[in-house]
């Protein structure tokens, strides 16, 4: 197995060369493993700000009584995961508590970790399938929402908006979203969540209030969580009936959600179509190719609008870009 070869190479280097381990870049962690009689091994991954590290420059240091007893980079790459295959040393057979410090290369800082373990001679902690997790206490996550208004005459099954979860480094995190059914999310029953999208589950055209309250929680693949309360405004400015009466074409796009390309069902004039990004609140020009095809492979995952201008009015066509990241 790959990790077995890595362990073998590691022990050969230590036993044959018997040199002082010196890290060439920050932090300047070094010690002499020949001074210690006993060893244990550990397989671990680093989770920084709720995202598993893929930076081979990141390092983990093991300390007993404040003294460095092991150091390793996260440079063992197996199945697209970065592992630290670490040897920890001690002068007694078992019983000492091992503490850890993580060097985050991207931030050039050393972080004390809450994780610890008890040294045991020949102990083997973690493996590729179930690694030990080195994780500093993360800062608060942020849930972003593509828009906070919905059309009153949206149809059941329509995608209304999209969620994203990010950390303080502005990394987009793989997350699952769920409703919290409490007094703060009293209107959750009108909607359902499909992946990162909020989908209309019941008609809202007969709803008397002008806004609906929702409460959701985001859970990342690294088990971090964040909840948010927000209000969706019900917008009556544009309805399906009004669009039909003002714009005879009543075009639509497909597929929706889309991946790399969308197609307009009908189009009379390519010069009067723009792309609107609701997050950046910005219009931009688009290129429409033969067959009314529009390439969208450069767009990020979120909700967008095609804005079609004509003498009879302006039609907004909502579509979502959804692709695996």
Protein backbone atom coordinates (compact mmCIF):
# COMPACT_ATOMS: atom_id res chain seq x y z
CA UNK A 1 0.00 0.00 0.00
CA UNK A 2 1.10 3.58 -0.65
CA UNK A 3 1.11 4.67 2.99
CA UNK A 4 3.09 1.54 3.98
CA UNK A 5 5.83 2.53 1.53
CA UNK A 6 5.84 6.03 2.99
CA UNK A 7 6.27 4.65 6.52
CA UNK A 8 9.08 2.35 5.35
CA UNK A 9 10.96 5.20 3.68
CA UNK A 10 10.51 7.36 6.77
CA UNK A 11 11.99 4.78 9.14
CA UNK A 12 14.90 4.06 6.76
CA UNK A 13 15.83 7.73 6.65
CA UNK A 14 15.72 7.98 10.45
CA UNK A 15 17.59 4.72 11.15
CA UNK A 16 20.29 4.88 8.46
CA UNK A 17 21.10 8.56 8.33
CA UNK A 18 20.56 9.25 12.07
CA UNK A 19 20.74 12.98 11.54
CA UNK A 20 19.07 15.86 13.30
CA UNK A 21 15.73 16.68 11.72
CA UNK A 22 15.74 20.26 10.55
CA UNK A 23 12.90 22.07 8.85
CA UNK A 24 14.32 24.41 6.20
CA UNK A 25 11.58 27.04 6.36
CA UNK A 26 9.43 28.59 9.06
CA UNK A 27 8.85 27.46 11.70
CA UNK A 28 12.38 26.46 12.72
CA UNK A 29 11.38 23.23 14.41
CA UNK A 30 14.30 20.82 14.94
CA UNK A 31 15.30 18.06 17.35
CA UNK A 32 17.49 14.94 17.49
CA UNK A 33 15.40 11.72 17.31
CA UNK A 34 18.44 9.64 18.32
CA UNK A 35 18.03 10.91 21.89
CA UNK A 36 14.77 9.02 22.35
CA UNK A 37 14.23 5.29 22.70
CA UNK A 38 10.51 4.90 22.06
CA UNK A 39 8.27 5.81 19.13
CA UNK A 40 4.66 5.86 18.04
CA UNK A 41 3.14 6.74 14.67
CA UNK A 42 0.26 8.92 13.62
CA UNK A 43 -1.61 9.52 10.35
CA UNK A 44 -3.41 12.85 10.27
CA UNK A 45 -4.96 15.59 8.17
CA UNK A 46 -5.23 19.31 8.86
CA UNK A 47 -8.53 21.17 8.80
CA UNK A 48 -8.00 24.95 8.75
CA UNK A 49 -11.01 27.27 8.91
CA UNK A 50 -13.33 24.32 8.21
CA UNK A 51 -11.49 23.31 5.04
CA UNK A 52 -9.18 20.31 4.76
CA UNK A 53 -5.68 21.49 3.88
CA UNK A 54 -4.11 20.58 0.56
CA UNK A 55 -0.97 22.65 1.18
CA UNK A 56 2.15 20.48 1.40
CA UNK A 57 3.93 23.34 3.15
CA UNK A 58 1.68 23.07 6.21
CA UNK A 59 3.37 21.29 9.12
CA UNK A 60 2.44 19.64 12.39
CA UNK A 61 4.68 19.60 15.45
CA UNK A 62 4.27 17.21 18.41
CA UNK A 63 5.37 18.44 21.84
CA UNK A 64 5.86 16.69 25.19
CA UNK A 65 6.49 18.96 28.15
CA UNK A 66 7.09 21.83 25.77
CA UNK A 67 9.82 19.96 23.86
CA UNK A 68 9.52 19.08 20.18
CA UNK A 69 9.18 15.30 19.74
CA UNK A 70 7.99 15.04 16.14
CA UNK A 71 7.51 17.17 13.06
CA UNK A 72 6.00 16.41 9.66
CA UNK A 73 4.64 18.16 6.60
CA UNK A 74 1.27 17.24 5.11
CA UNK A 75 3.00 15.92 1.99
CA UNK A 76 1.68 12.36 1.84
CA UNK A 77 -0.86 12.70 -0.98
CA UNK A 78 -3.24 9.74 -1.33
CA UNK A 79 -6.55 9.92 -3.21
CA UNK A 80 -6.33 13.73 -3.37
CA UNK A 81 -5.95 14.08 0.41
CA UNK A 82 -2.85 15.45 2.12
CA UNK A 83 -1.68 13.34 5.05
CA UNK A 84 1.02 13.85 7.66
CA UNK A 85 2.64 10.45 8.30
CA UNK A 86 4.26 11.33 11.61
CA UNK A 87 6.65 9.63 14.05
CA UNK A 88 6.52 10.84 17.67
CA UNK A 89 9.43 10.15 20.05
CA UNK A 90 9.75 9.87 23.84
CA UNK A 91 12.17 8.68 26.50
CA UNK A 92 9.61 6.71 28.53
CA UNK A 93 7.45 3.88 27.28
CA UNK A 94 4.04 5.52 27.84
CA UNK A 95 1.99 8.00 29.82
CA UNK A 96 3.19 11.43 28.67
CA UNK A 97 0.69 13.79 27.13
CA UNK A 98 1.39 14.90 23.57
CA UNK A 99 0.29 18.38 22.47
CA UNK A 100 0.35 19.74 18.93
CA UNK A 101 1.09 22.96 17.09
CA UNK A 102 0.08 23.56 13.48
CA UNK A 103 2.04 25.73 11.08
CA UNK A 104 -0.31 27.33 8.54
CA UNK A 105 1.99 28.21 5.64
CA UNK A 106 -0.56 30.36 3.80
CA UNK A 107 -0.82 32.64 6.85
CA UNK A 108 2.77 32.07 8.05
CA UNK A 109 1.64 31.48 11.61
CA UNK A 110 1.85 28.80 14.30
CA UNK A 111 -1.39 27.76 15.99
CA UNK A 112 -1.78 25.88 19.29
CA UNK A 113 -4.24 23.03 18.80
CA UNK A 114 -6.85 21.75 21.26
CA UNK A 115 -6.21 18.13 20.23
CA UNK A 116 -3.88 15.97 22.34
CA UNK A 117 -3.15 12.29 23.02
CA UNK A 118 -1.19 10.04 25.40
CA UNK A 119 2.13 8.68 24.16
CA UNK A 120 2.21 4.87 23.92
CA UNK A 121 5.19 2.88 22.65
CA UNK A 122 4.41 1.36 19.22
CA UNK A 123 1.04 3.09 19.20
CA UNK A 124 -0.48 3.74 15.78
CA UNK A 125 -3.07 6.51 15.67
CA UNK A 126 -5.22 7.08 12.57
CA UNK A 127 -5.06 5.72 9.04
CA UNK A 128 -5.90 6.85 5.52
CA UNK A 129 -9.58 5.99 5.89
CA UNK A 130 -9.95 7.45 9.39
CA UNK A 131 -7.15 9.95 10.01
CA UNK A 132 -6.49 11.91 13.18
CA UNK A 133 -7.79 15.44 12.58
CA UNK A 134 -5.66 18.44 13.51
CA UNK A 135 -8.03 21.39 13.68
CA UNK A 136 -7.66 24.84 15.24
CA UNK A 137 -10.82 26.41 16.62
CA UNK A 138 -12.33 28.04 13.50
CA UNK A 139 -13.64 31.56 13.14
CA UNK A 140 -17.31 32.01 12.37
CA UNK A 141 -18.53 30.93 8.95
CA UNK A 142 -20.58 33.10 6.62
CA UNK A 143 -23.67 31.99 4.72
CA UNK A 144 -24.26 34.03 1.56
CA UNK A 145 -27.61 34.20 -0.20
CA UNK A 146 -27.97 35.06 -3.89
CA UNK A 147 -31.06 37.24 -3.37
CA UNK A 148 -33.62 38.10 -0.69
CA UNK A 149 -36.75 38.62 -2.78
CA UNK A 150 -39.07 36.21 -4.57
CA UNK A 151 -41.83 36.76 -7.08
CA UNK A 152 -45.30 36.19 -5.70
CA UNK A 153 -46.34 34.25 -8.80
CA UNK A 154 -43.37 31.88 -8.88
CA UNK A 155 -44.37 28.34 -9.73
CA UNK A 156 -44.02 25.32 -7.46
CA UNK A 157 -40.66 23.74 -8.27
CA UNK A 158 -39.01 27.04 -9.23
CA UNK A 159 -35.50 27.66 -7.91
CA UNK A 160 -35.72 30.91 -5.94
CA UNK A 161 -32.20 31.45 -4.68
CA UNK A 162 -28.91 29.78 -3.88
CA UNK A 163 -26.77 29.46 -0.73
CA UNK A 164 -23.00 29.49 -0.34
CA UNK A 165 -20.93 28.96 2.79
CA UNK A 166 -17.49 30.51 3.12
CA UNK A 167 -14.82 30.89 5.79
CA UNK A 168 -12.83 33.97 6.82
CA UNK A 169 -10.33 33.15 4.05
CA UNK A 170 -13.26 33.50 1.61
CA UNK A 171 -12.92 29.85 0.59
CA UNK A 172 -16.16 28.33 -0.66
CA UNK A 173 -16.96 25.28 1.49
CA UNK A 174 -18.80 22.13 0.51
CA UNK A 175 -21.94 22.20 2.65
CA UNK A 176 -25.36 20.70 3.20
CA UNK A 177 -28.29 22.93 4.13
CA UNK A 178 -31.29 22.12 6.32
CA UNK A 179 -34.22 23.99 7.79
CA UNK A 180 -34.43 24.64 11.52
CA UNK A 181 -38.09 24.33 12.43
CA UNK A 182 -38.59 26.82 15.24
CA UNK A 183 -40.44 30.07 15.92
CA UNK A 184 -37.77 31.98 13.97
CA UNK A 185 -38.42 29.91 10.85
CA UNK A 186 -42.20 29.84 10.92
CA UNK A 187 -42.60 29.98 7.13
CA UNK A 188 -40.25 27.12 6.23
CA UNK A 189 -43.13 24.94 5.03
CA UNK A 190 -43.46 26.94 1.80
CA UNK A 191 -40.04 25.80 0.64
CA UNK A 192 -37.68 22.87 0.32
CA UNK A 193 -33.92 22.75 -0.04
CA UNK A 194 -32.33 20.92 -2.96
CA UNK A 195 -28.55 20.92 -2.66
CA UNK A 196 -27.59 24.60 -2.45
CA UNK A 197 -30.91 25.83 -3.81
CA UNK A 198 -34.10 27.03 -2.19
CA UNK A 199 -37.06 25.67 -4.16
CA UNK A 200 -40.70 26.70 -3.90
CA UNK A 201 -42.74 23.81 -2.48
CA UNK A 202 -46.15 25.50 -2.05
CA UNK A 203 -47.77 28.43 -3.92
CA UNK A 204 -47.29 31.82 -2.28
CA UNK A 205 -49.60 33.89 -4.52
CA UNK A 206 -52.32 33.76 -1.83
CA UNK A 207 -49.99 34.65 1.05
CA UNK A 208 -51.16 37.88 2.70
CA UNK A 209 -47.85 38.94 4.28
CA UNK A 210 -45.17 40.74 2.30
CA UNK A 211 -42.27 38.73 3.70
CA UNK A 212 -41.54 35.21 4.89
CA UNK A 213 -39.18 34.15 7.67
CA UNK A 214 -36.68 31.31 7.29
CA UNK A 215 -34.08 29.73 9.55
CA UNK A 216 -31.47 27.38 8.03
CA UNK A 217 -28.27 25.68 9.10
CA UNK A 218 -25.22 24.93 6.96
CA UNK A 219 -23.11 21.87 7.81
CA UNK A 220 -19.76 21.56 6.04
CA UNK A 221 -18.06 18.34 4.98
CA UNK A 222 -15.61 18.92 7.87
CA UNK A 223 -18.47 19.05 10.43
CA UNK A 224 -18.47 22.82 10.96
CA UNK A 225 -21.90 24.40 11.19
CA UNK A 226 -23.50 27.82 10.95
CA UNK A 227 -27.14 28.88 11.14
CA UNK A 228 -28.79 32.03 9.86
CA UNK A 229 -32.20 33.71 10.11
CA UNK A 230 -33.33 35.75 7.14
CA UNK A 231 -36.43 37.28 5.60
CA UNK A 232 -37.58 36.76 2.01
CA UNK A 233 -39.48 39.69 0.56
CA UNK A 234 -42.43 38.86 -1.68
CA UNK A 235 -42.19 40.94 -4.84
CA UNK A 236 -45.33 41.61 -6.90
CA UNK A 237 -43.71 43.89 -9.51
CA UNK A 238 -43.40 41.16 -12.12
CA UNK A 239 -45.85 38.28 -12.34
CA UNK A 240 -46.26 35.56 -14.92
CA UNK A 241 -49.53 37.16 -16.14
CA UNK A 242 -47.95 40.59 -16.56
CA UNK A 243 -44.99 39.16 -18.45
CA UNK A 244 -47.32 37.29 -20.80
CA UNK A 245 -49.35 40.41 -21.60
CA UNK A 246 -46.36 42.71 -22.15
CA UNK A 247 -43.99 40.36 -23.92
CA UNK A 248 -45.46 38.15 -26.60
CA UNK A 249 -42.29 36.08 -26.93
CA UNK A 250 -42.20 34.98 -23.25
CA UNK A 251 -38.82 33.30 -23.81
CA UNK A 252 -37.21 30.86 -21.42
CA UNK A 253 -33.81 29.22 -21.07
CA UNK A 254 -32.92 25.54 -20.90
CA UNK A 255 -31.49 23.55 -19.27
CA UNK A 256 -32.15 25.24 -15.94
CA UNK A 257 -30.19 24.72 -13.70
CA UNK A 258 -27.35 24.77 -16.22
CA UNK A 259 -23.72 23.66 -16.38
CA UNK A 260 -21.71 24.97 -19.35
CA UNK A 261 -24.31 26.27 -21.83
CA UNK A 262 -27.86 27.58 -21.89
CA UNK A 263 -30.21 28.00 -24.84
CA UNK A 264 -32.87 30.64 -25.39
CA UNK A 265 -36.20 29.27 -26.57
CA UNK A 266 -36.75 32.30 -28.81
CA UNK A 267 -34.86 35.47 -29.67
CA UNK A 268 -35.61 38.25 -32.12
CA UNK A 269 -32.64 40.57 -31.55
CA UNK A 270 -29.31 39.49 -30.03
CA UNK A 271 -28.24 43.11 -29.52
CA UNK A 272 -30.73 43.69 -26.72
CA UNK A 273 -29.82 40.91 -24.29
CA UNK A 274 -27.65 41.41 -21.20
CA UNK A 275 -26.49 39.27 -18.29
CA UNK A 276 -27.25 40.51 -14.78
CA UNK A 277 -25.31 39.32 -11.71
CA UNK A 278 -27.50 39.99 -8.61
CA UNK A 279 -24.61 39.47 -6.18
CA UNK A 280 -22.35 42.04 -7.83
CA UNK A 281 -25.39 44.10 -8.93
CA UNK A 282 -23.82 44.40 -12.37
CA UNK A 283 -24.91 44.10 -16.00
CA UNK A 284 -22.56 42.70 -18.64
CA UNK A 285 -22.63 41.88 -22.34
CA UNK A 286 -23.03 38.30 -23.50
CA UNK A 287 -22.24 36.44 -26.70
CA UNK A 288 -25.09 34.52 -28.34
CA UNK A 289 -24.00 31.86 -30.82
CA UNK A 290 -25.89 29.88 -33.43
CA UNK A 291 -28.91 28.04 -32.17
CA UNK A 292 -29.35 30.71 -29.47
CA UNK A 293 -26.58 29.06 -27.45
CA UNK A 294 -24.91 31.05 -24.66
CA UNK A 295 -21.67 29.77 -23.12
CA UNK A 296 -21.71 30.10 -19.31
CA UNK A 297 -18.69 27.97 -18.37
CA UNK A 298 -16.96 31.12 -17.05
CA UNK A 299 -19.74 31.85 -14.55
CA UNK A 300 -19.64 30.83 -10.89
CA UNK A 301 -22.32 28.77 -9.15
CA UNK A 302 -25.18 31.15 -8.35
CA UNK A 303 -28.40 32.66 -9.71
CA UNK A 304 -28.19 34.94 -12.78
CA UNK A 305 -30.67 36.78 -15.01
CA UNK A 306 -30.85 37.28 -18.75
CA UNK A 307 -32.40 40.68 -19.37
CA UNK A 308 -34.21 40.98 -22.72
CA UNK A 309 -35.11 44.50 -23.83
CA UNK A 310 -37.82 45.16 -26.41
CA UNK A 311 -40.24 47.91 -27.40
CA UNK A 312 -42.96 46.35 -25.27
CA UNK A 313 -40.88 46.09 -22.10
CA UNK A 314 -38.10 44.29 -20.31
CA UNK A 315 -38.17 40.56 -19.55
CA UNK A 316 -36.00 39.02 -16.83
CA UNK A 317 -35.24 35.32 -17.22
CA UNK A 318 -33.80 33.70 -14.12
CA UNK A 319 -31.42 30.73 -14.34
CA UNK A 320 -29.02 28.94 -12.03
CA UNK A 321 -25.47 27.77 -12.68
CA UNK A 322 -24.81 24.58 -10.73
CA UNK A 323 -21.74 22.46 -11.20
CA UNK A 324 -19.56 20.30 -8.96
CA UNK A 325 -16.60 22.23 -7.56
